[in-house]
Every structure is written in C-alpha cells, then in structure tokens.
Amino acid sequence: MIQITINRTESNSIQSFEISGHAFFADRGKDIVCAGASAVSIGAINAVHALTGVTPEIEQGDGFLRCVVPDELPEDINEKVQLLLEGMIVSLRTIEEEYGKHIKITFKK
C-alpha cells in the first residue's frame, strides 16, 4: 500500500509530505495507482518550482518521496506554494477514493 503523510503547521500550512510504499494494484510498469500518485506528486513539486521559483527539499528512493517546503517564504510566494500543494492533495484524495485499498493519506500537525 502507498502511505502518504501530509505534515501541517499549527496554522494549517503544508510543511512537508512523504509518500512511501507500493500500491501493488498491478504488475510493475502497469500499476495505475502508483503511476497516478507519482505523476500527481512529482507534477506538484515541478509546478511549485516552475511557477514560484521555490525549490523544496526533496529526498527520493525506490517507492519513497519526501518533500519539505522551505521555512520563512514571503507570504505571497507561500500562498502560491500552498495552493499548488493543496491541489496535489485534492488529486491524491481522488485516487484514494477510488483505490482506497492501495493508497492511504494521513494528515499530521
């Protein structure tokens, strides 16, 4: 199962997220749950960088992705980063609604 943890600050901003595991929905290379989660999360990170100029701290490995938003961003830039990451969460939740046996999202403060 793919486990996704979204870490929020006390003010409810997304501070970081971590994705780990494998969906095991289908064979490697044909797993639409894994492909969807990967495309949405990597796409969001790329959008943050391309549209705001912010480069999050990234750690990647086989079946693992961790993304940390830099501290103390200017408020206008942080709002854009947060909107892009909230969009990522909407997309991931849509995948979870359909394929909940293979992907789970947890929120932590």
PDB file of N, CA and C in Angstrom:
ATOM      1  N   MET A   1       0.836  -1.182   0.000  1.00  0.00           N
ATOM      2  CA  MET A   1       0.000   0.000   0.000  1.00  0.00           C
ATOM      3  C   MET A   1       0.882   1.247   0.000  1.00  0.00           C
ATOM      4  N   ILE A   2       0.436   2.264  -0.723  1.00  0.00           N
ATOM      5  CA  ILE A   2       1.122   3.548  -0.704  1.00  0.00           C
ATOM      6  C   ILE A   2       0.610   4.329   0.504  1.00  0.00           C
ATOM      7  N   GLN A   3       1.531   4.760   1.345  1.00  0.00           N
ATOM      8  CA  GLN A   3       1.206   5.563   2.516  1.00  0.00           C
ATOM      9  C   GLN A   3       1.648   6.995   2.242  1.00  0.00           C
ATOM     10  N   ILE A   4       0.732   7.934   2.407  1.00  0.00           N
ATOM     11  CA  ILE A   4       1.047   9.343   2.212  1.00  0.00           C
ATOM     12  C   ILE A   4       0.791  10.066   3.522  1.00  0.00           C
ATOM     13  N   THR A   5       1.788  10.802   3.984  1.00  0.00           N
ATOM     14  CA  THR A   5       1.634  11.595   5.194  1.00  0.00           C
ATOM     15  C   THR A   5       1.834  13.054   4.830  1.00  0.00           C
ATOM     16  N   ILE A   6       0.832  13.870   5.149  1.00  0.00           N
ATOM     17  CA  ILE A   6       0.895  15.305   4.932  1.00  0.00           C
ATOM     18  C   ILE A   6       1.113  15.951   6.291  1.00  0.00           C
ATOM     19  N   ASN A   7       2.220  16.652   6.448  1.00  0.00           N
ATOM     20  CA  ASN A   7       2.528  17.328   7.713  1.00  0.00           C
ATOM     21  C   ASN A   7       2.178  18.803   7.598  1.00  0.00           C
ATOM     22  N   ARG A   8       1.321  19.253   8.515  1.00  0.00           N
ATOM     23  CA  ARG A   8       0.875  20.645   8.515  1.00  0.00           C
ATOM     24  C   ARG A   8       1.402  21.370   9.747  1.00  0.00           C
ATOM     25  N   THR A   9       1.564  22.686   9.598  1.00  0.00           N
ATOM     26  CA  THR A   9       1.960  23.526  10.723  1.00  0.00           C
ATOM     27  C   THR A   9       0.724  23.800  11.585  1.00  0.00           C
ATOM     28  N   GLU A  10       0.925  24.472  12.693  1.00  0.00           N
ATOM     29  CA  GLU A  10      -0.195  24.851  13.562  1.00  0.00           C
ATOM     30  C   GLU A  10      -1.181  25.756  12.829  1.00  0.00           C
ATOM     31  N   SER A  11      -0.695  26.541  11.874  1.00  0.00           N
ATOM     32  CA  SER A  11      -1.566  27.433  11.106  1.00  0.00           C
ATOM     33  C   SER A  11      -2.193  26.718   9.897  1.00  0.00           C
ATOM     34  N   ASN A  12      -2.011  25.394   9.823  1.00  0.00           N
ATOM     35  CA  ASN A  12      -2.604  24.530   8.805  1.00  0.00           C
ATOM     36  C   ASN A  12      -1.918  24.589   7.443  1.00  0.00           C
ATOM     37  N   SER A  13      -0.753  25.225   7.349  1.00  0.00           N
ATOM     38  CA  SER A  13       0.014  25.219   6.111  1.00  0.00           C
ATOM     39  C   SER A  13       0.696  23.867   5.940  1.00  0.00           C
ATOM     40  N   ILE A  14       0.890  23.466   4.699  1.00  0.00           N
ATOM     41  CA  ILE A  14       1.598  22.221   4.417  1.00  0.00           C
ATOM     42  C   ILE A  14       3.088  22.490   4.591  1.00  0.00           C
ATOM     43  N   GLN A  15       3.695  21.771   5.522  1.00  0.00           N
ATOM     44  CA  GLN A  15       5.123  21.909   5.800  1.00  0.00           C
ATOM     45  C   GLN A  15       5.927  20.903   5.001  1.00  0.00           C
ATOM     46  N   SER A  16       5.365  19.681   4.871  1.00  0.00           N
ATOM     47  CA  SER A  16       6.060  18.628   4.139  1.00  0.00           C
ATOM     48  C   SER A  16       5.074  17.512   3.818  1.00  0.00           C
ATOM     49  N   PHE A  17       5.503  16.637   2.917  1.00  0.00           N
ATOM     50  CA  PHE A  17       4.742  15.412   2.690  1.00  0.00           C
ATOM     51  C   PHE A  17       5.718  14.288   2.383  1.00  0.00           C
ATOM     52  N   GLU A  18       5.270  13.081   2.686  1.00  0.00           N
ATOM     53  CA  GLU A  18       6.079  11.890   2.465  1.00  0.00           C
ATOM     54  C   GLU A  18       5.198  10.816   1.846  1.00  0.00           C
ATOM     55  N   ILE A  19       5.705  10.186   0.821  1.00  0.00           N
ATOM     56  CA  ILE A  19       4.994   9.108   0.143  1.00  0.00           C
ATOM     57  C   ILE A  19       5.911   7.895   0.154  1.00  0.00           C
ATOM     58  N   SER A  20       5.391   6.763   0.619  1.00  0.00           N
ATOM     59  CA  SER A  20       6.229   5.562   0.666  1.00  0.00           C
ATOM     60  C   SER A  20       5.398   4.324   0.377  1.00  0.00           C
ATOM     61  N   GLY A  21       6.067   3.310  -0.116  1.00  0.00           N
ATOM     62  CA  GLY A  21       5.428   2.033  -0.379  1.00  0.00           C
ATOM     63  C   GLY A  21       5.056   1.869  -1.836  1.00  0.00           C
ATOM     64  N   HIS A  22       4.413   0.751  -2.095  1.00  0.00           N
ATOM     65  CA  HIS A  22       3.967   0.408  -3.441  1.00  0.00           C
ATOM     66  C   HIS A  22       2.489   0.032  -3.377  1.00  0.00           C
ATOM     67  N   ALA A  23       1.755   0.360  -4.426  1.00  0.00           N
ATOM     68  CA  ALA A  23       0.313   0.115  -4.439  1.00  0.00           C
ATOM     69  C   ALA A  23      -0.017  -1.366  -4.597  1.00  0.00           C
ATOM     70  N   PHE A  24       0.774  -2.083  -5.364  1.00  0.00           N
ATOM     71  CA  PHE A  24       0.509  -3.489  -5.691  1.00  0.00           C
ATOM     72  C   PHE A  24      -0.880  -3.664  -6.306  1.00  0.00           C
ATOM     73  N   PHE A  25      -1.311  -2.682  -7.087  1.00  0.00           N
ATOM     74  CA  PHE A  25      -2.577  -2.776  -7.815  1.00  0.00           C
ATOM     75  C   PHE A  25      -2.408  -3.648  -9.053  1.00  0.00           C
ATOM     76  N   ALA A  26      -1.243  -3.556  -9.685  1.00  0.00           N
ATOM     77  CA  ALA A  26      -0.948  -4.330 -10.895  1.00  0.00           C
ATOM     78  C   ALA A  26       0.563  -4.552 -10.955  1.00  0.00           C
ATOM     79  N   ASP A  27       0.995  -5.274 -11.971  1.00  0.00           N
ATOM     80  CA  ASP A  27       2.423  -5.526 -12.145  1.00  0.00           C
ATOM     81  C   ASP A  27       3.189  -4.219 -12.316  1.00  0.00           C
ATOM     82  N   ARG A  28       4.453  -4.249 -11.940  1.00  0.00           N
ATOM     83  CA  ARG A  28       5.326  -3.086 -12.097  1.00  0.00           C
ATOM     84  C   ARG A  28       5.287  -2.605 -13.554  1.00  0.00           C
ATOM     85  N   GLY A  29       5.121  -1.312 -13.724  1.00  0.00           N
ATOM     86  CA  GLY A  29       5.029  -0.743 -15.048  1.00  0.00           C
ATOM     87  C   GLY A  29       3.607  -0.648 -15.578  1.00  0.00           C
ATOM     88  N   LYS A  30       2.671  -1.314 -14.904  1.00  0.00           N
ATOM     89  CA  LYS A  30       1.263  -1.276 -15.314  1.00  0.00           C
ATOM     90  C   LYS A  30       0.361  -0.829 -14.169  1.00  0.00           C
ATOM     91  N   ASP A  31       0.966  -0.397 -13.081  1.00  0.00           N
ATOM     92  CA  ASP A  31       0.220  -0.045 -11.874  1.00  0.00           C
ATOM     93  C   ASP A  31      -0.268   1.405 -11.961  1.00  0.00           C
ATOM     94  N   ILE A  32      -1.555   1.572 -12.284  1.00  0.00           N
ATOM     95  CA  ILE A  32      -2.095   2.923 -12.472  1.00  0.00           C
ATOM     96  C   ILE A  32      -2.198   3.704 -11.162  1.00  0.00           C
ATOM     97  N   VAL A  33      -2.316   3.021 -10.045  1.00  0.00           N
ATOM     98  CA  VAL A  33      -2.379   3.730  -8.755  1.00  0.00           C
ATOM     99  C   VAL A  33      -1.015   4.345  -8.453  1.00  0.00           C
ATOM    100  N   CYS A  34       0.027   3.570  -8.621  1.00  0.00           N
ATOM    101  CA  CYS A  34       1.388   4.063  -8.406  1.00  0.00           C
ATOM    102  C   CYS A  34       1.714   5.179  -9.398  1.00  0.00           C
ATOM    103  N   ALA A  35       1.378   4.950 -10.649  1.00  0.00           N
ATOM    104  CA  ALA A  35       1.656   5.962 -11.676  1.00  0.00           C
ATOM    105  C   ALA A  35       0.907   7.252 -11.390  1.00  0.00           C
ATOM    106  N   GLY A  36      -0.344   7.144 -10.979  1.00  0.00           N
ATOM    107  CA  GLY A  36      -1.130   8.335 -10.669  1.00  0.00           C
ATOM    108  C   GLY A  36      -0.567   9.112  -9.505  1.00  0.00           C
ATOM    109  N   ALA A  37      -0.239   8.413  -8.417  1.00  0.00           N
ATOM    110  CA  ALA A  37       0.317   9.082  -7.236  1.00  0.00           C
ATOM    111  C   ALA A  37       1.665   9.727  -7.561  1.00  0.00           C
ATOM    112  N   SER A  38       2.471   9.032  -8.347  1.00  0.00           N
ATOM    113  CA  SER A  38       3.775   9.583  -8.731  1.00  0.00           C
ATOM    114  C   SER A  38       3.614  10.818  -9.612  1.00  0.00           C
ATOM    115  N   ALA A  39       2.747  10.725 -10.606  1.00  0.00           N
ATOM    116  CA  ALA A  39       2.549  11.858 -11.521  1.00  0.00           C
ATOM    117  C   ALA A  39       2.012  13.077 -10.789  1.00  0.00           C
ATOM    118  N   VAL A  40       1.058  12.865  -9.903  1.00  0.00           N
ATOM    119  CA  VAL A  40       0.466  13.990  -9.170  1.00  0.00           C
ATOM    120  C   VAL A  40       1.496  14.640  -8.248  1.00  0.00           C
ATOM    121  N   SER A  41       2.238  13.842  -7.504  1.00  0.00           N
ATOM    122  CA  SER A  41       3.182  14.408  -6.536  1.00  0.00           C
ATOM    123  C   SER A  41       4.386  15.065  -7.215  1.00  0.00           C
ATOM    124  N   ILE A  42       4.976  14.405  -8.188  1.00  0.00           N
ATOM    125  CA  ILE A  42       6.113  14.993  -8.902  1.00  0.00           C
ATOM    126  C   ILE A  42       5.655  16.208  -9.698  1.00  0.00           C
ATOM    127  N   GLY A  43       4.469  16.123 -10.287  1.00  0.00           N
ATOM    128  CA  GLY A  43       3.912  17.267 -11.008  1.00  0.00           C
ATOM    129  C   GLY A  43       3.720  18.473 -10.108  1.00  0.00           C
ATOM    130  N   ALA A  44       3.272  18.246  -8.884  1.00  0.00           N
ATOM    131  CA  ALA A  44       3.083  19.351  -7.935  1.00  0.00           C
ATOM    132  C   ALA A  44       4.423  19.981  -7.562  1.00  0.00           C
ATOM    133  N   ILE A  45       5.419  19.166  -7.317  1.00  0.00           N
ATOM    134  CA  ILE A  45       6.749  19.690  -6.984  1.00  0.00           C
ATOM    135  C   ILE A  45       7.297  20.490  -8.162  1.00  0.00           C
ATOM    136  N   ASN A  46       7.147  19.965  -9.371  1.00  0.00           N
ATOM    137  CA  ASN A  46       7.611  20.687 -10.557  1.00  0.00           C
ATOM    138  C   ASN A  46       6.862  22.000 -10.740  1.00  0.00           C
ATOM    139  N   ALA A  47       5.559  21.990 -10.462  1.00  0.00           N
ATOM    140  CA  ALA A  47       4.761  23.211 -10.575  1.00  0.00           C
ATOM    141  C   ALA A  47       5.198  24.244  -9.541  1.00  0.00           C
ATOM    142  N   VAL A  48       5.467  23.813  -8.327  1.00  0.00           N
ATOM    143  CA  VAL A  48       5.951  24.735  -7.293  1.00  0.00           C
ATOM    144  C   VAL A  48       7.222  25.415  -7.779  1.00  0.00           C
ATOM    145  N   HIS A  49       8.150  24.622  -8.284  1.00  0.00           N
ATOM    146  CA  HIS A  49       9.418  25.188  -8.733  1.00  0.00           C
ATOM    147  C   HIS A  49       9.230  26.110  -9.942  1.00  0.00           C
ATOM    148  N   ALA A  50       8.488  25.653 -10.934  1.00  0.00           N
ATOM    149  CA  ALA A  50       8.325  26.413 -12.177  1.00  0.00           C
ATOM    150  C   ALA A  50       7.518  27.696 -11.984  1.00  0.00           C
ATOM    151  N   LEU A  51       6.512  27.656 -11.127  1.00  0.00           N
ATOM    152  CA  LEU A  51       5.594  28.789 -11.010  1.00  0.00           C
ATOM    153  C   LEU A  51       5.925  29.755  -9.876  1.00  0.00           C
ATOM    154  N   THR A  52       6.733  29.304  -8.918  1.00  0.00           N
ATOM    155  CA  THR A  52       7.063  30.185  -7.781  1.00  0.00           C
ATOM    156  C   THR A  52       8.560  30.430  -7.639  1.00  0.00           C
ATOM    157  N   GLY A  53       9.380  29.606  -8.287  1.00  0.00           N
ATOM    158  CA  GLY A  53      10.826  29.718  -8.128  1.00  0.00           C
ATOM    159  C   GLY A  53      11.347  29.068  -6.865  1.00  0.00           C
ATOM    160  N   VAL A  54      10.453  28.489  -6.065  1.00  0.00           N
ATOM    161  CA  VAL A  54      10.846  27.827  -4.816  1.00  0.00           C
ATOM    162  C   VAL A  54      11.308  26.407  -5.132  1.00  0.00           C
ATOM    163  N   THR A  55      12.443  26.033  -4.568  1.00  0.00           N
ATOM    164  CA  THR A  55      12.945  24.668  -4.719  1.00  0.00           C
ATOM    165  C   THR A  55      12.812  23.952  -3.378  1.00  0.00           C
ATOM    166  N   PRO A  56      11.803  23.085  -3.252  1.00  0.00           N
ATOM    167  CA  PRO A  56      11.644  22.342  -1.998  1.00  0.00           C
ATOM    168  C   PRO A  56      12.803  21.366  -1.792  1.00  0.00           C
ATOM    169  N   GLU A  57      13.011  20.985  -0.551  1.00  0.00           N
ATOM    170  CA  GLU A  57      13.997  19.946  -0.229  1.00  0.00           C
ATOM    171  C   GLU A  57      13.365  18.606  -0.589  1.00  0.00           C
ATOM    172  N   ILE A  58      14.037  17.845  -1.436  1.00  0.00           N
ATOM    173  CA  ILE A  58      13.492  16.585  -1.948  1.00  0.00           C
ATOM    174  C   ILE A  58      14.414  15.435  -1.558  1.00  0.00           C
ATOM    175  N   GLU A  59      13.795  14.324  -1.157  1.00  0.00           N
ATOM    176  CA  GLU A  59      14.522  13.079  -0.930  1.00  0.00           C
ATOM    177  C   GLU A  59      13.737  11.991  -1.653  1.00  0.00           C
ATOM    178  N   GLN A  60      14.415  11.226  -2.502  1.00  0.00           N
ATOM    179  CA  GLN A  60      13.754  10.201  -3.308  1.00  0.00           C
ATOM    180  C   GLN A  60      14.481   8.876  -3.226  1.00  0.00           C
ATOM    181  N   GLY A  61      13.724   7.817  -3.388  1.00  0.00           N
ATOM    182  CA  GLY A  61      14.280   6.473  -3.465  1.00  0.00           C
ATOM    183  C   GLY A  61      13.234   5.562  -4.073  1.00  0.00           C
ATOM    184  N   ASP A  62      13.498   4.278  -4.113  1.00  0.00           N
ATOM    185  CA  ASP A  62      12.533   3.336  -4.662  1.00  0.00           C
ATOM    186  C   ASP A  62      11.292   3.302  -3.778  1.00  0.00           C
ATOM    187  N   GLY A  63      10.183   3.743  -4.308  1.00  0.00           N
ATOM    188  CA  GLY A  63       8.944   3.757  -3.539  1.00  0.00           C
ATOM    189  C   GLY A  63       8.938   4.784  -2.433  1.00  0.00           C
ATOM    190  N   PHE A  64       9.730   5.836  -2.560  1.00  0.00           N
ATOM    191  CA  PHE A  64       9.810   6.839  -1.495  1.00  0.00           C
ATOM    192  C   PHE A  64      10.009   8.231  -2.076  1.00  0.00           C
ATOM    193  N   LEU A  65       9.259   9.189  -1.536  1.00  0.00           N
ATOM    194  CA  LEU A  65       9.421  10.599  -1.886  1.00  0.00           C
ATOM    195  C   LEU A  65       9.106  11.436  -0.659  1.00  0.00           C
ATOM    196  N   ARG A  66      10.017  12.334  -0.339  1.00  0.00           N
ATOM    197  CA  ARG A  66       9.791  13.275   0.752  1.00  0.00           C
ATOM    198  C   ARG A  66      10.055  14.672   0.215  1.00  0.00           C
ATOM    199  N   CYS A  67       9.147  15.594   0.541  1.00  0.00           N
ATOM    200  CA  CYS A  67       9.251  16.967   0.073  1.00  0.00           C
ATOM    201  C   CYS A  67       9.013  17.894   1.249  1.00  0.00           C
ATOM    202  N   VAL A  68       9.951  18.822   1.478  1.00  0.00           N
ATOM    203  CA  VAL A  68       9.845  19.782   2.573  1.00  0.00           C
ATOM    204  C   VAL A  68       9.828  21.187   1.985  1.00  0.00           C
ATOM    205  N   VAL A  69       8.823  21.960   2.377  1.00  0.00           N
ATOM    206  CA  VAL A  69       8.701  23.348   1.938  1.00  0.00           C
ATOM    207  C   VAL A  69       9.675  24.192   2.767  1.00  0.00           C
ATOM    208  N   PRO A  70      10.464  25.052   2.123  1.00  0.00           N
ATOM    209  CA  PRO A  70      11.388  25.903   2.892  1.00  0.00           C
ATOM    210  C   PRO A  70      10.638  26.797   3.894  1.00  0.00           C
ATOM    211  N   ASP A  71      11.272  27.048   5.026  1.00  0.00           N
ATOM    212  CA  ASP A  71      10.714  27.947   6.041  1.00  0.00           C
ATOM    213  C   ASP A  71      10.839  29.389   5.586  1.00  0.00           C
ATOM    214  N   GLU A  72       9.998  30.211   6.167  1.00  0.00           N
ATOM    215  CA  GLU A  72      10.098  31.667   6.048  1.00  0.00           C
ATOM    216  C   GLU A  72      10.081  32.176   4.608  1.00  0.00           C
ATOM    217  N   LEU A  73       9.158  31.640   3.806  1.00  0.00           N
ATOM    218  CA  LEU A  73       8.966  32.173   2.461  1.00  0.00           C
ATOM    219  C   LEU A  73       8.166  33.474   2.562  1.00  0.00           C
ATOM    220  N   PRO A  74       8.354  34.394   1.608  1.00  0.00           N
ATOM    221  CA  PRO A  74       7.499  35.581   1.591  1.00  0.00           C
ATOM    222  C   PRO A  74       6.030  35.140   1.504  1.00  0.00           C
ATOM    223  N   GLU A  75       5.150  35.871   2.151  1.00  0.00           N
ATOM    224  CA  GLU A  75       3.749  35.459   2.255  1.00  0.00           C
ATOM    225  C   GLU A  75       3.091  35.215   0.899  1.00  0.00           C
ATOM    226  N   ASP A  76       3.322  36.088  -0.069  1.00  0.00           N
ATOM    227  CA  ASP A  76       2.693  35.916  -1.381  1.00  0.00           C
ATOM    228  C   ASP A  76       3.188  34.655  -2.092  1.00  0.00           C
ATOM    229  N   ILE A  77       4.460  34.350  -1.941  1.00  0.00           N
ATOM    230  CA  ILE A  77       5.029  33.135  -2.550  1.00  0.00           C
ATOM    231  C   ILE A  77       4.499  31.895  -1.822  1.00  0.00           C
ATOM    232  N   ASN A  78       4.466  31.946  -0.495  1.00  0.00           N
ATOM    233  CA  ASN A  78       3.976  30.813   0.289  1.00  0.00           C
ATOM    234  C   ASN A  78       2.518  30.504  -0.059  1.00  0.00           C
ATOM    235  N   GLU A  79       1.710  31.527  -0.286  1.00  0.00           N
ATOM    236  CA  GLU A  79       0.309  31.298  -0.660  1.00  0.00           C
ATOM    237  C   GLU A  79       0.217  30.509  -1.964  1.00  0.00           C
ATOM    238  N   LYS A  80       1.070  30.831  -2.922  1.00  0.00           N
ATOM    239  CA  LYS A  80       1.076  30.113  -4.199  1.00  0.00           C
ATOM    240  C   LYS A  80       1.538  28.669  -4.011  1.00  0.00           C
ATOM    241  N   VAL A  81       2.588  28.495  -3.221  1.00  0.00           N
ATOM    242  CA  VAL A  81       3.093  27.147  -2.936  1.00  0.00           C
ATOM    243  C   VAL A  81       1.996  26.314  -2.275  1.00  0.00           C
ATOM    244  N   GLN A  82       1.332  26.903  -1.293  1.00  0.00           N
ATOM    245  CA  GLN A  82       0.283  26.183  -0.574  1.00  0.00           C
ATOM    246  C   GLN A  82      -0.872  25.804  -1.495  1.00  0.00           C
ATOM    247  N   LEU A  83      -1.262  26.703  -2.387  1.00  0.00           N
ATOM    248  CA  LEU A  83      -2.348  26.416  -3.317  1.00  0.00           C
ATOM    249  C   LEU A  83      -1.986  25.251  -4.236  1.00  0.00           C
ATOM    250  N   LEU A  84      -0.781  25.243  -4.728  1.00  0.00           N
ATOM    251  CA  LEU A  84      -0.343  24.144  -5.594  1.00  0.00           C
ATOM    252  C   LEU A  84      -0.324  22.815  -4.836  1.00  0.00           C
ATOM    253  N   LEU A  85       0.155  22.833  -3.597  1.00  0.00           N
ATOM    254  CA  LEU A  85       0.205  21.592  -2.813  1.00  0.00           C
ATOM    255  C   LEU A  85      -1.188  21.140  -2.380  1.00  0.00           C
ATOM    256  N   GLU A  86      -2.085  22.083  -2.096  1.00  0.00           N
ATOM    257  CA  GLU A  86      -3.474  21.714  -1.776  1.00  0.00           C
ATOM    258  C   GLU A  86      -4.124  21.061  -2.997  1.00  0.00           C
ATOM    259  N   GLY A  87      -3.797  21.556  -4.196  1.00  0.00           N
ATOM    260  CA  GLY A  87      -4.287  20.927  -5.420  1.00  0.00           C
ATOM    261  C   GLY A  87      -3.786  19.501  -5.550  1.00  0.00           C
ATOM    262  N   MET A  88      -2.527  19.277  -5.169  1.00  0.00           N
ATOM    263  CA  MET A  88      -1.973  17.928  -5.165  1.00  0.00           C
ATOM    264  C   MET A  88      -2.792  17.018  -4.250  1.00  0.00           C
ATOM    265  N   ILE A  89      -3.121  17.527  -3.057  1.00  0.00           N
ATOM    266  CA  ILE A  89      -3.890  16.730  -2.094  1.00  0.00           C
ATOM    267  C   ILE A  89      -5.264  16.380  -2.658  1.00  0.00           C
ATOM    268  N   VAL A  90      -5.920  17.323  -3.311  1.00  0.00           N
ATOM    269  CA  VAL A  90      -7.227  17.042  -3.924  1.00  0.00           C
ATOM    270  C   VAL A  90      -7.089  15.885  -4.916  1.00  0.00           C
ATOM    271  N   SER A  91      -6.067  15.935  -5.743  1.00  0.00           N
ATOM    272  CA  SER A  91      -5.861  14.868  -6.726  1.00  0.00           C
ATOM    273  C   SER A  91      -5.551  13.532  -6.059  1.00  0.00           C
ATOM    274  N   LEU A  92      -4.708  13.540  -5.042  1.00  0.00           N
ATOM    275  CA  LEU A  92      -4.377  12.296  -4.341  1.00  0.00           C
ATOM    276  C   LEU A  92      -5.603  11.725  -3.626  1.00  0.00           C
ATOM    277  N   ARG A  93      -6.446  12.591  -3.070  1.00  0.00           N
ATOM    278  CA  ARG A  93      -7.663  12.115  -2.400  1.00  0.00           C
ATOM    279  C   ARG A  93      -8.619  11.489  -3.408  1.00  0.00           C
ATOM    280  N   THR A  94      -8.644  12.014  -4.609  1.00  0.00           N
ATOM    281  CA  THR A  94      -9.482  11.438  -5.656  1.00  0.00           C
ATOM    282  C   THR A  94      -9.022  10.015  -5.971  1.00  0.00           C
ATOM    283  N   ILE A  95      -7.717   9.818  -6.033  1.00  0.00           N
ATOM    284  CA  ILE A  95      -7.171   8.474  -6.245  1.00  0.00           C
ATOM    285  C   ILE A  95      -7.529   7.586  -5.054  1.00  0.00           C
ATOM    286  N   GLU A  96      -7.386   8.118  -3.849  1.00  0.00           N
ATOM    287  CA  GLU A  96      -7.691   7.342  -2.635  1.00  0.00           C
ATOM    288  C   GLU A  96      -9.164   6.929  -2.605  1.00  0.00           C
ATOM    289  N   GLU A  97     -10.066   7.804  -3.018  1.00  0.00           N
ATOM    290  CA  GLU A  97     -11.492   7.470  -3.023  1.00  0.00           C
ATOM    291  C   GLU A  97     -11.785   6.258  -3.907  1.00  0.00           C
ATOM    292  N   GLU A  98     -11.108   6.178  -5.023  1.00  0.00           N
ATOM    293  CA  GLU A  98     -11.358   5.094  -5.968  1.00  0.00           C
ATOM    294  C   GLU A  98     -10.556   3.820  -5.647  1.00  0.00           C
ATOM    295  N   TYR A  99      -9.355   3.994  -5.115  1.00  0.00           N
ATOM    296  CA  TYR A  99      -8.435   2.862  -4.916  1.00  0.00           C
ATOM    297  C   TYR A  99      -7.947   2.795  -3.466  1.00  0.00           C
ATOM    298  N   GLY A 100      -8.858   2.965  -2.524  1.00  0.00           N
ATOM    299  CA  GLY A 100      -8.521   3.045  -1.099  1.00  0.00           C
ATOM    300  C   GLY A 100      -7.823   1.832  -0.515  1.00  0.00           C
ATOM    301  N   LYS A 101      -7.913   0.693  -1.177  1.00  0.00           N
ATOM    302  CA  LYS A 101      -7.206  -0.493  -0.686  1.00  0.00           C
ATOM    303  C   LYS A 101      -5.725  -0.437  -1.021  1.00  0.00           C
ATOM    304  N   HIS A 102      -5.341   0.544  -1.850  1.00  0.00           N
ATOM    305  CA  HIS A 102      -3.967   0.600  -2.349  1.00  0.00           C
ATOM    306  C   HIS A 102      -3.236   1.892  -1.995  1.00  0.00           C
ATOM    307  N   ILE A 103      -3.966   2.877  -1.457  1.00  0.00           N
ATOM    308  CA  ILE A 103      -3.365   4.164  -1.141  1.00  0.00           C
ATOM    309  C   ILE A 103      -4.103   4.792   0.045  1.00  0.00           C
ATOM    310  N   LYS A 104      -3.337   5.318   1.006  1.00  0.00           N
ATOM    311  CA  LYS A 104      -3.934   5.928   2.194  1.00  0.00           C
ATOM    312  C   LYS A 104      -3.214   7.229   2.515  1.00  0.00           C
ATOM    313  N   ILE A 105      -4.024   8.261   2.782  1.00  0.00           N
ATOM    314  CA  ILE A 105      -3.486   9.577   3.126  1.00  0.00           C
ATOM    315  C   ILE A 105      -3.759   9.844   4.603  1.00  0.00           C
ATOM    316  N   THR A 106      -2.718  10.305   5.310  1.00  0.00           N
ATOM    317  CA  THR A 106      -2.825  10.668   6.724  1.00  0.00           C
ATOM    318  C   THR A 106      -2.351  12.105   6.870  1.00  0.00           C
ATOM    319  N   PHE A 107      -3.040  12.845   7.726  1.00  0.00           N
ATOM    320  CA  PHE A 107      -2.665  14.234   7.997  1.00  0.00           C
ATOM    321  C   PHE A 107      -2.153  14.341   9.428  1.00  0.00           C
ATOM    322  N   LYS A 108      -1.043  15.083   9.603  1.00  0.00           N
ATOM    323  CA  LYS A 108      -0.464  15.280  10.937  1.00  0.00           C
ATOM    324  C   LYS A 108      -0.172  16.751  11.147  1.00  0.00           C
ATOM    325  N   LYS A 109      -0.317  17.207  12.391  1.00  0.00           N
ATOM    326  CA  LYS A 109       0.028  18.579  12.752  1.00  0.00           C
ATOM    327  C   LYS A 109       1.199  18.551  13.690  1.00  0.00           C
TER     328      LYS A 109
END
